[in-house]
Every structure is written in C-alpha cells, then in structure tokens.
C-alpha cells in the first residue's frame, strides 16, 4: 500500500511522463513518440519539493498529483519453493 509523502497537487498534462527526480522534486519529460529523434528528452522541474528519499522505497506521483511511496518488492518468493521441490525430486 502506498503512503503520501508530500502533498503537491501537480496538474498532469497529456504527453508527459511525471516522476520524482534524484533531488526529490517533481519533474517531467516529453514521452517518446514515433518519428521523433532518438535520444534523451529534455527534463524540466515542475515543482521543487526536496523530499528526502529512503532506500528500499519506490517514489512516484499518484493520481491526485501528490508524491507517494511504496515499499519495493525485493527477491522472488517462488524461486525458493521451486528449488526445494527440485531437491526433493532428486532424492
């Protein structure tokens, strides 16, 4: 479940990708389209917030335009079960 970290209320415009940059600000970049030159799109800061990021969390802009975070899923839980089944079959 995600939790709101900062209430920003950014209004999203179609054709842009919104994200939280390394400094904790809300930024946007033009989405890639067919026919456009390849390479990096120009990144512009929409709102300066300065959120301090904690390792192990994924930061994103939610539907209301606020900065939210969710705990990252690390490791595959099913891989251990499969390894145990294979080990039992060999015996």
PDB file of N, CA and C in Angstrom:
ATOM      1  N   UNK A   1       0.839  -1.174   0.000  1.00  0.00           N
ATOM      2  CA  UNK A   1       0.000   0.000   0.000  1.00  0.00           C
ATOM      3  C   UNK A   1       0.881   1.232   0.000  1.00  0.00           C
ATOM      4  N   UNK A   2       0.505   2.219  -0.741  1.00  0.00           N
ATOM      5  CA  UNK A   2       1.304   3.439  -0.862  1.00  0.00           C
ATOM      6  C   UNK A   2       0.894   4.455   0.197  1.00  0.00           C
ATOM      7  N   UNK A   3       1.849   5.280   0.595  1.00  0.00           N
ATOM      8  CA  UNK A   3       1.571   6.354   1.541  1.00  0.00           C
ATOM      9  C   UNK A   3       2.016   7.678   0.929  1.00  0.00           C
ATOM     10  N   UNK A   4       1.240   8.730   1.170  1.00  0.00           N
ATOM     11  CA  UNK A   4       1.546  10.055   0.636  1.00  0.00           C
ATOM     12  C   UNK A   4       2.662  10.669   1.477  1.00  0.00           C
ATOM     13  N   UNK A   5       3.726  11.140   0.800  1.00  0.00           N
ATOM     14  CA  UNK A   5       4.871  11.733   1.478  1.00  0.00           C
ATOM     15  C   UNK A   5       4.755  13.256   1.501  1.00  0.00           C
ATOM     16  N   UNK A   6       4.351  13.848   0.360  1.00  0.00           N
ATOM     17  CA  UNK A   6       4.211  15.305   0.256  1.00  0.00           C
ATOM     18  C   UNK A   6       2.999  15.629  -0.608  1.00  0.00           C
ATOM     19  N   UNK A   7       2.174  16.555  -0.138  1.00  0.00           N
ATOM     20  CA  UNK A   7       1.008  16.977  -0.913  1.00  0.00           C
ATOM     21  C   UNK A   7       1.415  18.127  -1.820  1.00  0.00           C
ATOM     22  N   UNK A   8       1.468  17.828  -3.122  1.00  0.00           N
ATOM     23  CA  UNK A   8       1.917  18.811  -4.113  1.00  0.00           C
ATOM     24  C   UNK A   8       0.754  19.269  -4.973  1.00  0.00           C
ATOM     25  N   UNK A   9      -0.054  18.339  -5.460  1.00  0.00           N
ATOM     26  CA  UNK A   9      -1.212  18.664  -6.300  1.00  0.00           C
ATOM     27  C   UNK A   9      -0.837  19.109  -7.696  1.00  0.00           C
ATOM     28  N   UNK A  10       0.107  18.417  -8.329  1.00  0.00           N
ATOM     29  CA  UNK A  10       0.551  18.747  -9.682  1.00  0.00           C
ATOM     30  C   UNK A  10      -0.545  18.384 -10.677  1.00  0.00           C
ATOM     31  N   UNK A  11      -0.842  19.286 -11.585  1.00  0.00           N
ATOM     32  CA  UNK A  11      -1.807  19.018 -12.660  1.00  0.00           C
ATOM     33  C   UNK A  11      -1.048  18.380 -13.818  1.00  0.00           C
ATOM     34  N   UNK A  12      -1.416  17.159 -14.191  1.00  0.00           N
ATOM     35  CA  UNK A  12      -0.711  16.439 -15.248  1.00  0.00           C
ATOM     36  C   UNK A  12      -1.233  16.837 -16.622  1.00  0.00           C
ATOM     37  N   UNK A  13      -0.310  16.928 -17.589  1.00  0.00           N
ATOM     38  CA  UNK A  13      -0.633  17.248 -18.974  1.00  0.00           C
ATOM     39  C   UNK A  13      -0.360  16.003 -19.813  1.00  0.00           C
ATOM     40  N   UNK A  14      -1.247  15.729 -20.781  1.00  0.00           N
ATOM     41  CA  UNK A  14      -1.045  14.567 -21.649  1.00  0.00           C
ATOM     42  C   UNK A  14       0.240  14.715 -22.449  1.00  0.00           C
ATOM     43  N   UNK A  15       0.926  13.574 -22.661  1.00  0.00           N
ATOM     44  CA  UNK A  15       2.140  13.576 -23.464  1.00  0.00           C
ATOM     45  C   UNK A  15       3.410  13.745 -22.653  1.00  0.00           C
ATOM     46  N   UNK A  16       3.293  13.833 -21.322  1.00  0.00           N
ATOM     47  CA  UNK A  16       4.459  13.975 -20.452  1.00  0.00           C
ATOM     48  C   UNK A  16       4.502  12.849 -19.430  1.00  0.00           C
ATOM     49  N   UNK A  17       5.710  12.449 -19.067  1.00  0.00           N
ATOM     50  CA  UNK A  17       5.943  11.453 -18.033  1.00  0.00           C
ATOM     51  C   UNK A  17       6.382  12.198 -16.779  1.00  0.00           C
ATOM     52  N   UNK A  18       5.639  12.040 -15.694  1.00  0.00           N
ATOM     53  CA  UNK A  18       5.949  12.725 -14.438  1.00  0.00           C
ATOM     54  C   UNK A  18       6.643  11.761 -13.485  1.00  0.00           C
ATOM     55  N   UNK A  19       7.673  12.248 -12.772  1.00  0.00           N
ATOM     56  CA  UNK A  19       8.436  11.398 -11.859  1.00  0.00           C
ATOM     57  C   UNK A  19       9.083  12.250 -10.774  1.00  0.00           C
ATOM     58  N   UNK A  20       9.633  11.570  -9.756  1.00  0.00           N
ATOM     59  CA  UNK A  20      10.364  12.237  -8.680  1.00  0.00           C
ATOM     60  C   UNK A  20      11.846  12.094  -9.017  1.00  0.00           C
ATOM     61  N   UNK A  21      12.547  13.225  -9.182  1.00  0.00           N
ATOM     62  CA  UNK A  21      13.952  13.168  -9.579  1.00  0.00           C
ATOM     63  C   UNK A  21      14.867  12.866  -8.380  1.00  0.00           C
ATOM     64  N   UNK A  22      16.174  12.831  -8.616  1.00  0.00           N
ATOM     65  CA  UNK A  22      17.139  12.468  -7.582  1.00  0.00           C
ATOM     66  C   UNK A  22      17.145  13.429  -6.402  1.00  0.00           C
ATOM     67  N   UNK A  23      16.783  14.674  -6.644  1.00  0.00           N
ATOM     68  CA  UNK A  23      16.783  15.685  -5.581  1.00  0.00           C
ATOM     69  C   UNK A  23      15.462  15.711  -4.811  1.00  0.00           C
ATOM     70  N   UNK A  24      14.493  14.893  -5.213  1.00  0.00           N
ATOM     71  CA  UNK A  24      13.214  14.834  -4.525  1.00  0.00           C
ATOM     72  C   UNK A  24      12.192  15.817  -5.050  1.00  0.00           C
ATOM     73  N   UNK A  25      12.418  16.368  -6.238  1.00  0.00           N
ATOM     74  CA  UNK A  25      11.491  17.314  -6.854  1.00  0.00           C
ATOM     75  C   UNK A  25      10.612  16.592  -7.873  1.00  0.00           C
ATOM     76  N   UNK A  26       9.473  17.194  -8.198  1.00  0.00           N
ATOM     77  CA  UNK A  26       8.604  16.645  -9.241  1.00  0.00           C
ATOM     78  C   UNK A  26       9.109  17.173 -10.580  1.00  0.00           C
ATOM     79  N   UNK A  27       9.382  16.247 -11.501  1.00  0.00           N
ATOM     80  CA  UNK A  27       9.906  16.621 -12.816  1.00  0.00           C
ATOM     81  C   UNK A  27       9.077  15.938 -13.895  1.00  0.00           C
ATOM     82  N   UNK A  28       9.223  16.428 -15.138  1.00  0.00           N
ATOM     83  CA  UNK A  28       8.528  15.802 -16.250  1.00  0.00           C
ATOM     84  C   UNK A  28       9.407  15.811 -17.484  1.00  0.00           C
ATOM     85  N   UNK A  29       9.137  14.849 -18.377  1.00  0.00           N
ATOM     86  CA  UNK A  29       9.842  14.742 -19.654  1.00  0.00           C
ATOM     87  C   UNK A  29       8.820  14.357 -20.714  1.00  0.00           C
ATOM     88  N   UNK A  30       9.011  14.856 -21.924  1.00  0.00           N
ATOM     89  CA  UNK A  30       8.100  14.528 -23.018  1.00  0.00           C
ATOM     90  C   UNK A  30       8.216  13.047 -23.342  1.00  0.00           C
ATOM     91  N   UNK A  31       7.073  12.393 -23.517  1.00  0.00           N
ATOM     92  CA  UNK A  31       7.069  10.965 -23.823  1.00  0.00           C
ATOM     93  C   UNK A  31       7.570  10.731 -25.230  1.00  0.00           C
ATOM     94  N   UNK A  32       8.184   9.593 -25.425  1.00  0.00           N
ATOM     95  CA  UNK A  32       8.743   9.228 -26.719  1.00  0.00           C
ATOM     96  C   UNK A  32       7.613   8.981 -27.725  1.00  0.00           C
ATOM     97  N   UNK A  33       7.790   9.489 -28.917  1.00  0.00           N
ATOM     98  CA  UNK A  33       6.816   9.293 -29.990  1.00  0.00           C
ATOM     99  C   UNK A  33       7.537   8.801 -31.243  1.00  0.00           C
ATOM    100  N   UNK A  34       6.843   8.061 -32.076  1.00  0.00           N
ATOM    101  CA  UNK A  34       7.411   7.589 -33.334  1.00  0.00           C
ATOM    102  C   UNK A  34       7.638   8.795 -34.242  1.00  0.00           C
ATOM    103  N   UNK A  35       8.792   8.860 -34.853  1.00  0.00           N
ATOM    104  CA  UNK A  35       9.094   9.966 -35.748  1.00  0.00           C
ATOM    105  C   UNK A  35       9.959  11.038 -35.111  1.00  0.00           C
ATOM    106  N   UNK A  36      10.062  11.007 -33.781  1.00  0.00           N
ATOM    107  CA  UNK A  36      10.912  11.984 -33.098  1.00  0.00           C
ATOM    108  C   UNK A  36      12.338  11.463 -33.068  1.00  0.00           C
ATOM    109  N   UNK A  37      13.295  12.370 -33.027  1.00  0.00           N
ATOM    110  CA  UNK A  37      14.690  11.948 -32.980  1.00  0.00           C
ATOM    111  C   UNK A  37      14.968  11.157 -31.712  1.00  0.00           C
ATOM    112  N   UNK A  38      15.818  10.144 -31.825  1.00  0.00           N
ATOM    113  CA  UNK A  38      16.182   9.349 -30.664  1.00  0.00           C
ATOM    114  C   UNK A  38      17.116  10.134 -29.766  1.00  0.00           C
ATOM    115  N   UNK A  39      17.076   9.806 -28.499  1.00  0.00           N
ATOM    116  CA  UNK A  39      17.924  10.470 -27.515  1.00  0.00           C
ATOM    117  C   UNK A  39      17.113  10.857 -26.304  1.00  0.00           C
ATOM    118  N   UNK A  40      17.756  11.482 -25.351  1.00  0.00           N
ATOM    119  CA  UNK A  40      17.077  11.873 -24.121  1.00  0.00           C
ATOM    120  C   UNK A  40      16.166  13.070 -24.342  1.00  0.00           C
ATOM    121  N   UNK A  41      15.012  13.028 -23.700  1.00  0.00           N
ATOM    122  CA  UNK A  41      14.090  14.160 -23.745  1.00  0.00           C
ATOM    123  C   UNK A  41      14.528  15.181 -22.703  1.00  0.00           C
ATOM    124  N   UNK A  42      14.238  16.441 -22.947  1.00  0.00           N
ATOM    125  CA  UNK A  42      14.605  17.491 -22.006  1.00  0.00           C
ATOM    126  C   UNK A  42      13.747  17.352 -20.748  1.00  0.00           C
ATOM    127  N   UNK A  43      14.401  17.361 -19.590  1.00  0.00           N
ATOM    128  CA  UNK A  43      13.718  17.218 -18.309  1.00  0.00           C
ATOM    129  C   UNK A  43      13.525  18.600 -17.700  1.00  0.00           C
ATOM    130  N   UNK A  44      12.295  18.887 -17.269  1.00  0.00           N
ATOM    131  CA  UNK A  44      12.034  20.164 -16.617  1.00  0.00           C
ATOM    132  C   UNK A  44      11.405  19.919 -15.241  1.00  0.00           C
ATOM    133  N   UNK A  45      11.829  20.695 -14.248  1.00  0.00           N
ATOM    134  CA  UNK A  45      11.303  20.571 -12.894  1.00  0.00           C
ATOM    135  C   UNK A  45       9.976  21.317 -12.828  1.00  0.00           C
ATOM    136  N   UNK A  46       8.927  20.613 -12.388  1.00  0.00           N
ATOM    137  CA  UNK A  46       7.594  21.191 -12.306  1.00  0.00           C
ATOM    138  C   UNK A  46       7.387  21.860 -10.948  1.00  0.00           C
ATOM    139  N   UNK A  47       7.823  21.180  -9.887  1.00  0.00           N
ATOM    140  CA  UNK A  47       7.635  21.692  -8.533  1.00  0.00           C
ATOM    141  C   UNK A  47       8.830  21.300  -7.665  1.00  0.00           C
ATOM    142  N   UNK A  48       9.408  22.267  -6.967  1.00  0.00           N
ATOM    143  CA  UNK A  48      10.538  21.985  -6.079  1.00  0.00           C
ATOM    144  C   UNK A  48       9.998  21.612  -4.704  1.00  0.00           C
ATOM    145  N   UNK A  49      10.229  20.356  -4.328  1.00  0.00           N
ATOM    146  CA  UNK A  49       9.721  19.842  -3.057  1.00  0.00           C
ATOM    147  C   UNK A  49      10.871  19.474  -2.130  1.00  0.00           C
ATOM    148  N   UNK A  50      11.866  18.753  -2.644  1.00  0.00           N
ATOM    149  CA  UNK A  50      13.027  18.360  -1.845  1.00  0.00           C
ATOM    150  C   UNK A  50      12.746  17.235  -0.871  1.00  0.00           C
ATOM    151  N   UNK A  51      12.012  16.216  -1.317  1.00  0.00           N
ATOM    152  CA  UNK A  51      11.705  15.065  -0.469  1.00  0.00           C
ATOM    153  C   UNK A  51      12.976  14.258  -0.236  1.00  0.00           C
ATOM    154  N   UNK A  52      13.234  13.886   1.007  1.00  0.00           N
ATOM    155  CA  UNK A  52      14.376  13.027   1.339  1.00  0.00           C
ATOM    156  C   UNK A  52      13.967  11.583   1.076  1.00  0.00           C
ATOM    157  N   UNK A  53      14.666  10.934   0.149  1.00  0.00           N
ATOM    158  CA  UNK A  53      14.324   9.564  -0.230  1.00  0.00           C
ATOM    159  C   UNK A  53      14.974   8.557   0.725  1.00  0.00           C
ATOM    160  N   UNK A  54      14.226   7.513   1.065  1.00  0.00           N
ATOM    161  CA  UNK A  54      14.695   6.440   1.923  1.00  0.00           C
ATOM    162  C   UNK A  54      14.956   5.224   1.042  1.00  0.00           C
ATOM    163  N   UNK A  55      16.101   4.560   1.187  1.00  0.00           N
ATOM    164  CA  UNK A  55      16.363   3.358   0.373  1.00  0.00           C
ATOM    165  C   UNK A  55      15.317   2.277   0.632  1.00  0.00           C
ATOM    166  N   UNK A  56      14.979   1.531  -0.416  1.00  0.00           N
ATOM    167  CA  UNK A  56      14.013   0.451  -0.295  1.00  0.00           C
ATOM    168  C   UNK A  56      12.589   0.858  -0.636  1.00  0.00           C
ATOM    169  N   UNK A  57      12.375   2.125  -1.009  1.00  0.00           N
ATOM    170  CA  UNK A  57      11.052   2.609  -1.368  1.00  0.00           C
ATOM    171  C   UNK A  57      11.048   3.107  -2.808  1.00  0.00           C
ATOM    172  N   UNK A  58       9.905   2.955  -3.471  1.00  0.00           N
ATOM    173  CA  UNK A  58       9.683   3.449  -4.819  1.00  0.00           C
ATOM    174  C   UNK A  58       8.839   4.715  -4.704  1.00  0.00           C
ATOM    175  N   UNK A  59       9.340   5.830  -5.218  1.00  0.00           N
ATOM    176  CA  UNK A  59       8.648   7.115  -5.151  1.00  0.00           C
ATOM    177  C   UNK A  59       7.989   7.413  -6.492  1.00  0.00           C
ATOM    178  N   UNK A  60       6.755   7.909  -6.462  1.00  0.00           N
ATOM    179  CA  UNK A  60       6.005   8.183  -7.690  1.00  0.00           C
ATOM    180  C   UNK A  60       4.989   9.290  -7.451  1.00  0.00           C
ATOM    181  N   UNK A  61       4.389   9.774  -8.555  1.00  0.00           N
ATOM    182  CA  UNK A  61       3.339  10.780  -8.489  1.00  0.00           C
ATOM    183  C   UNK A  61       2.003  10.041  -8.583  1.00  0.00           C
ATOM    184  N   UNK A  62       1.154  10.169  -7.581  1.00  0.00           N
ATOM    185  CA  UNK A  62      -0.114   9.441  -7.597  1.00  0.00           C
ATOM    186  C   UNK A  62      -1.158  10.159  -8.450  1.00  0.00           C
ATOM    187  N   UNK A  63      -2.369   9.635  -8.493  1.00  0.00           N
ATOM    188  CA  UNK A  63      -3.433  10.169  -9.339  1.00  0.00           C
ATOM    189  C   UNK A  63      -3.855  11.590  -8.995  1.00  0.00           C
ATOM    190  N   UNK A  64      -3.671  11.998  -7.737  1.00  0.00           N
ATOM    191  CA  UNK A  64      -4.045  13.344  -7.317  1.00  0.00           C
ATOM    192  C   UNK A  64      -2.906  14.349  -7.485  1.00  0.00           C
ATOM    193  N   UNK A  65      -1.736  13.885  -7.936  1.00  0.00           N
ATOM    194  CA  UNK A  65      -0.605  14.774  -8.157  1.00  0.00           C
ATOM    195  C   UNK A  65       0.294  14.937  -6.942  1.00  0.00           C
ATOM    196  N   UNK A  66       0.135  14.080  -5.926  1.00  0.00           N
ATOM    197  CA  UNK A  66       0.975  14.126  -4.735  1.00  0.00           C
ATOM    198  C   UNK A  66       2.121  13.139  -4.873  1.00  0.00           C
ATOM    199  N   UNK A  67       3.195  13.344  -4.101  1.00  0.00           N
ATOM    200  CA  UNK A  67       4.313  12.397  -4.086  1.00  0.00           C
ATOM    201  C   UNK A  67       3.967  11.296  -3.093  1.00  0.00           C
ATOM    202  N   UNK A  68       4.031  10.047  -3.562  1.00  0.00           N
ATOM    203  CA  UNK A  68       3.729   8.893  -2.723  1.00  0.00           C
ATOM    204  C   UNK A  68       4.883   7.904  -2.803  1.00  0.00           C
ATOM    205  N   UNK A  69       4.908   6.978  -1.854  1.00  0.00           N
ATOM    206  CA  UNK A  69       5.946   5.948  -1.875  1.00  0.00           C
ATOM    207  C   UNK A  69       5.349   4.605  -1.489  1.00  0.00           C
ATOM    208  N   UNK A  70       5.974   3.539  -2.006  1.00  0.00           N
ATOM    209  CA  UNK A  70       5.577   2.167  -1.695  1.00  0.00           C
ATOM    210  C   UNK A  70       6.833   1.347  -1.508  1.00  0.00           C
ATOM    211  N   UNK A  71       6.776   0.379  -0.608  1.00  0.00           N
ATOM    212  CA  UNK A  71       7.942  -0.465  -0.359  1.00  0.00           C
ATOM    213  C   UNK A  71       8.214  -1.325  -1.581  1.00  0.00           C
ATOM    214  N   UNK A  72       9.484  -1.398  -1.992  1.00  0.00           N
ATOM    215  CA  UNK A  72       9.852  -2.182  -3.172  1.00  0.00           C
ATOM    216  C   UNK A  72       9.840  -3.670  -2.842  1.00  0.00           C
ATOM    217  N   UNK A  73       9.403  -4.461  -3.799  1.00  0.00           N
ATOM    218  CA  UNK A  73       9.433  -5.915  -3.662  1.00  0.00           C
ATOM    219  C   UNK A  73      10.820  -6.378  -4.057  1.00  0.00           C
ATOM    220  N   UNK A  74      11.502  -7.011  -3.143  1.00  0.00           N
ATOM    221  CA  UNK A  74      12.859  -7.490  -3.415  1.00  0.00           C
ATOM    222  C   UNK A  74      12.892  -9.000  -3.347  1.00  0.00           C
ATOM    223  N   UNK A  75      13.469  -9.615  -4.362  1.00  0.00           N
ATOM    224  CA  UNK A  75      13.612 -11.064  -4.372  1.00  0.00           C
ATOM    225  C   UNK A  75      12.337 -11.758  -4.810  1.00  0.00           C
ATOM    226  N   UNK A  76      12.498 -12.945  -5.350  1.00  0.00           N
ATOM    227  CA  UNK A  76      11.352 -13.729  -5.789  1.00  0.00           C
ATOM    228  C   UNK A  76      11.025 -14.768  -4.741  1.00  0.00           C
ATOM    229  N   UNK A  77       9.807 -14.770  -4.273  1.00  0.00           N
ATOM    230  CA  UNK A  77       9.407 -15.709  -3.231  1.00  0.00           C
ATOM    231  C   UNK A  77       9.207 -17.114  -3.795  1.00  0.00           C
ATOM    232  N   UNK A  78       8.797 -17.203  -5.052  1.00  0.00           N
ATOM    233  CA  UNK A  78       8.532 -18.506  -5.658  1.00  0.00           C
ATOM    234  C   UNK A  78       9.791 -19.288  -5.998  1.00  0.00           C
ATOM    235  N   UNK A  79      10.922 -18.622  -6.123  1.00  0.00           N
ATOM    236  CA  UNK A  79      12.160 -19.291  -6.520  1.00  0.00           C
ATOM    237  C   UNK A  79      12.627 -20.290  -5.464  1.00  0.00           C
ATOM    238  N   UNK A  80      12.460 -19.966  -4.195  1.00  0.00           N
ATOM    239  CA  UNK A  80      12.892 -20.861  -3.118  1.00  0.00           C
ATOM    240  C   UNK A  80      12.055 -22.138  -3.099  1.00  0.00           C
ATOM    241  N   UNK A  81      10.751 -21.994  -3.320  1.00  0.00           N
ATOM    242  CA  UNK A  81       9.870 -23.156  -3.329  1.00  0.00           C
ATOM    243  C   UNK A  81      10.223 -24.110  -4.468  1.00  0.00           C
ATOM    244  N   UNK A  82      10.514 -23.548  -5.641  1.00  0.00           N
ATOM    245  CA  UNK A  82      10.876 -24.369  -6.793  1.00  0.00           C
ATOM    246  C   UNK A  82      12.175 -25.117  -6.543  1.00  0.00           C
ATOM    247  N   UNK A  83      13.129 -24.463  -5.907  1.00  0.00           N
ATOM    248  CA  UNK A  83      14.415 -25.099  -5.613  1.00  0.00           C
ATOM    249  C   UNK A  83      14.232 -26.252  -4.634  1.00  0.00           C
ATOM    250  N   UNK A  84      13.356 -26.083  -3.650  1.00  0.00           N
ATOM    251  CA  UNK A  84      13.106 -27.155  -2.677  1.00  0.00           C
ATOM    252  C   UNK A  84      12.449 -28.356  -3.348  1.00  0.00           C
ATOM    253  N   UNK A  85      11.501 -28.092  -4.267  1.00  0.00           N
ATOM    254  CA  UNK A  85      10.827 -29.189  -4.971  1.00  0.00           C
ATOM    255  C   UNK A  85      11.807 -29.989  -5.816  1.00  0.00           C
ATOM    256  N   UNK A  86      12.726 -29.265  -6.495  1.00  0.00           N
ATOM    257  CA  UNK A  86      13.730 -29.947  -7.327  1.00  0.00           C
ATOM    258  C   UNK A  86      14.647 -30.813  -6.467  1.00  0.00           C
ATOM    259  N   UNK A  87      15.023 -30.294  -5.302  1.00  0.00           N
ATOM    260  CA  UNK A  87      15.898 -31.039  -4.403  1.00  0.00           C
ATOM    261  C   UNK A  87      15.208 -32.313  -3.905  1.00  0.00           C
ATOM    262  N   UNK A  88      13.912 -32.234  -3.626  1.00  0.00           N
ATOM    263  CA  UNK A  88      13.186 -33.406  -3.166  1.00  0.00           C
ATOM    264  C   UNK A  88      13.065 -34.472  -4.260  1.00  0.00           C
ATOM    265  N   UNK A  89      12.895 -34.025  -5.508  1.00  0.00           N
ATOM    266  CA  UNK A  89      12.774 -34.958  -6.628  1.00  0.00           C
ATOM    267  C   UNK A  89      14.060 -35.754  -6.838  1.00  0.00           C
ATOM    268  N   UNK A  90      15.180 -35.126  -6.610  1.00  0.00           N
ATOM    269  CA  UNK A  90      16.487 -35.767  -6.834  1.00  0.00           C
ATOM    270  C   UNK A  90      16.743 -36.871  -5.808  1.00  0.00           C
ATOM    271  N   UNK A  91      16.169 -36.736  -4.618  1.00  0.00           N
ATOM    272  CA  UNK A  91      16.399 -37.730  -3.560  1.00  0.00           C
ATOM    273  C   UNK A  91      15.586 -38.945  -3.735  1.00  0.00           C
TER     274      UNK A  91
END
